[in-house]
């Protein structure tokens, strides 16, 4: 099972239309917690504008969250004006399959964007989607995620080293 993302960015706003076009990406499946909002439900400045700009350039969006708090996920989806699913049980395929069906694009044209390897990246890779990892917005996390972060950080360091070694060849 592939645990490495296909790309790694500081934040979602760094994902450009040029990058998406280069990889033939026409749709993004976005995580919510620590990808679009922090633990205290604050959306960093620039995310709404980033989303609107990419929409104008033909990119489709869909929110897929593991949160069971419908109101929280729905609020973010309304701000960005995109469809959503909550309590997605990532990395299981069920939520991803629903998102793919609702988006209506071929898998090779869809990217998954999130801050966690063990949910977003592995789930996206299992469904043969282009996985993009972003750094978490904030350090504050729910307990289950806090427990996984050290192992994820280890994997990220190995990923970065692998990418750097490939560039040097």
Protein backbone atom coordinates (compact mmCIF):
# COMPACT_ATOMS: atom_id res chain seq x y z
CA UNK A 1 0.00 0.00 0.00
CA UNK A 2 1.32 3.40 -0.99
CA UNK A 3 1.58 5.70 2.03
CA UNK A 4 3.37 8.54 0.26
CA UNK A 5 1.45 11.43 -1.30
CA UNK A 6 2.00 12.37 -4.93
CA UNK A 7 2.65 15.98 -3.81
CA UNK A 8 3.25 17.90 -0.60
CA UNK A 9 2.44 21.58 0.05
CA UNK A 10 2.63 23.96 3.01
CA UNK A 11 -1.07 24.85 2.68
CA UNK A 12 -3.99 24.40 0.28
CA UNK A 13 -3.56 27.93 -1.09
CA UNK A 14 -0.17 26.83 -2.51
CA UNK A 15 -1.90 24.40 -4.89
CA UNK A 16 -1.95 26.39 -8.13
CA UNK A 17 -3.93 26.03 -11.33
CA UNK A 18 -0.60 25.48 -13.11
CA UNK A 19 0.19 22.51 -10.85
CA UNK A 20 -3.31 21.08 -11.32
CA UNK A 21 -3.18 21.49 -15.11
CA UNK A 22 0.29 19.92 -15.23
CA UNK A 23 -1.14 16.82 -13.53
CA UNK A 24 -4.45 16.87 -15.45
CA UNK A 25 -6.43 17.48 -12.24
CA UNK A 26 -9.97 18.78 -12.81
CA UNK A 27 -11.44 18.18 -9.34
CA UNK A 28 -10.30 18.34 -5.72
CA UNK A 29 -11.68 16.33 -2.81
CA UNK A 30 -10.87 18.38 0.29
CA UNK A 31 -10.56 17.39 3.92
CA UNK A 32 -11.89 19.89 6.50
CA UNK A 33 -10.18 19.62 9.89
CA UNK A 34 -6.69 21.14 9.89
CA UNK A 35 -6.83 21.39 6.09
CA UNK A 36 -9.50 24.09 5.61
CA UNK A 37 -10.18 25.05 9.24
CA UNK A 38 -8.29 24.76 12.50
CA UNK A 39 -9.41 22.94 15.63
CA UNK A 40 -11.30 26.06 16.76
CA UNK A 41 -13.20 26.15 13.43
CA UNK A 42 -11.36 29.20 12.05
CA UNK A 43 -10.69 29.31 8.32
CA UNK A 44 -7.35 30.94 7.49
CA UNK A 45 -7.39 33.99 5.28
CA UNK A 46 -7.11 33.22 1.59
CA UNK A 47 -8.78 29.82 1.44
CA UNK A 48 -12.13 31.12 0.22
CA UNK A 49 -10.45 33.26 -2.46
CA UNK A 50 -8.22 30.34 -3.52
CA UNK A 51 -11.26 28.11 -3.96
CA UNK A 52 -13.22 30.75 -5.91
CA UNK A 53 -10.25 31.43 -8.21
CA UNK A 54 -9.81 27.74 -9.03
CA UNK A 55 -13.55 27.33 -9.62
CA UNK A 56 -13.40 30.18 -12.18
CA UNK A 57 -10.69 28.18 -13.95
CA UNK A 58 -12.85 25.05 -14.14
CA UNK A 59 -11.80 23.12 -11.03
CA UNK A 60 -14.59 21.21 -9.25
CA UNK A 61 -14.56 20.83 -5.47
CA UNK A 62 -16.01 18.34 -3.01
CA UNK A 63 -15.55 18.20 0.77
CA UNK A 64 -15.03 14.77 2.33
CA UNK A 65 -14.63 14.84 6.11
CA UNK A 66 -14.33 12.19 8.78
CA UNK A 67 -15.98 14.55 11.25
CA UNK A 68 -19.33 13.46 12.61
CA UNK A 69 -20.24 17.11 13.24
CA UNK A 70 -22.52 17.81 10.29
CA UNK A 71 -23.01 21.48 11.21
CA UNK A 72 -19.26 22.15 11.19
CA UNK A 73 -18.67 20.48 7.81
CA UNK A 74 -21.83 22.03 6.34
CA UNK A 75 -20.72 25.53 7.43
CA UNK A 76 -17.38 25.17 5.62
CA UNK A 77 -19.13 23.74 2.54
CA UNK A 78 -21.55 26.70 2.49
CA UNK A 79 -18.73 29.24 2.78
CA UNK A 80 -16.93 27.62 -0.17
CA UNK A 81 -20.19 26.77 -1.97
CA UNK A 82 -19.27 23.13 -2.58
CA UNK A 83 -21.02 19.78 -1.99
CA UNK A 84 -19.91 17.69 0.98
CA UNK A 85 -20.06 14.42 2.89
CA UNK A 86 -19.31 14.05 6.57
CA UNK A 87 -18.47 11.00 8.71
CA UNK A 88 -16.69 9.58 5.65
CA UNK A 89 -14.68 6.87 7.47
CA UNK A 90 -11.49 7.61 5.54
CA UNK A 91 -9.30 5.71 4.59
CA UNK A 92 -12.14 3.33 3.74
CA UNK A 93 -13.23 3.60 0.11
CA UNK A 94 -16.95 4.23 0.73
CA UNK A 95 -16.73 8.02 1.12
CA UNK A 96 -14.27 8.41 -1.72
CA UNK A 97 -16.49 6.38 -4.07
CA UNK A 98 -19.45 8.62 -3.23
CA UNK A 99 -17.38 11.74 -3.87
CA UNK A 100 -16.05 10.39 -7.18
CA UNK A 101 -19.58 9.56 -8.32
CA UNK A 102 -20.93 12.98 -7.36
CA UNK A 103 -18.01 14.80 -8.98
CA UNK A 104 -18.47 12.94 -12.25
CA UNK A 105 -14.81 13.02 -13.36
CA UNK A 106 -12.46 10.18 -14.19
CA UNK A 107 -10.32 9.06 -11.23
CA UNK A 108 -7.10 10.13 -12.94
CA UNK A 109 -8.44 13.72 -12.99
CA UNK A 110 -9.27 13.88 -9.26
CA UNK A 111 -6.93 14.79 -6.40
CA UNK A 112 -7.48 14.30 -2.68
CA UNK A 113 -6.16 17.08 -0.44
CA UNK A 114 -5.69 16.62 3.29
CA UNK A 115 -3.37 16.93 6.26
CA UNK A 116 -3.22 13.26 7.30
CA UNK A 117 -1.38 10.35 5.72
CA UNK A 118 -3.40 7.62 7.43
CA UNK A 119 -6.78 8.97 6.30
CA UNK A 120 -6.51 11.30 3.31
CA UNK A 121 -3.39 10.03 1.52
CA UNK A 122 -3.90 6.30 2.06
CA UNK A 123 -7.61 6.59 1.25
CA UNK A 124 -6.92 8.56 -1.91
CA UNK A 125 -4.16 6.18 -3.00
CA UNK A 126 -6.37 3.15 -2.35
CA UNK A 127 -8.94 4.67 -4.73
CA UNK A 128 -6.27 5.47 -7.35
CA UNK A 129 -6.62 9.23 -6.93
CA UNK A 130 -3.82 11.82 -6.97
CA UNK A 131 -3.01 12.42 -3.29
CA UNK A 132 -1.83 15.81 -2.04
CA UNK A 133 -0.66 16.21 1.54
CA UNK A 134 -0.66 19.64 3.18
CA UNK A 135 0.80 20.63 6.52
CA UNK A 136 -1.81 20.91 9.29
CA UNK A 137 -3.09 24.45 9.80
CA UNK A 138 -2.44 24.24 13.55
CA UNK A 139 -0.80 21.91 16.06
CA UNK A 140 -3.98 21.53 18.08
CA UNK A 141 -5.72 18.26 17.14
CA UNK A 142 -8.21 15.75 18.43
CA UNK A 143 -6.68 13.00 20.59
CA UNK A 144 -6.75 10.25 17.94
CA UNK A 145 -4.89 12.48 15.49
CA UNK A 146 -2.36 13.59 18.13
CA UNK A 147 -1.48 9.95 18.68
CA UNK A 148 -0.87 9.38 14.95
CA UNK A 149 1.11 12.59 14.24
CA UNK A 150 4.55 11.33 15.35
CA UNK A 151 4.30 8.33 13.02
CA UNK A 152 2.99 10.55 10.22
CA UNK A 153 5.90 12.96 10.77
CA UNK A 154 8.32 10.03 10.47
CA UNK A 155 6.71 9.00 7.16
CA UNK A 156 6.80 12.60 5.89
CA UNK A 157 10.53 12.89 6.64
CA UNK A 158 11.17 9.67 4.72
CA UNK A 159 8.99 10.94 1.85
CA UNK A 160 10.88 14.25 1.65
CA UNK A 161 14.22 12.42 1.66
CA UNK A 162 12.99 10.10 -1.13
CA UNK A 163 11.87 13.10 -3.23
CA UNK A 164 15.17 14.93 -2.66
CA UNK A 165 17.16 11.82 -3.63
CA UNK A 166 15.11 11.42 -6.81
CA UNK A 167 15.79 15.07 -7.77
CA UNK A 168 19.53 14.59 -7.36
CA UNK A 169 19.61 11.69 -9.83
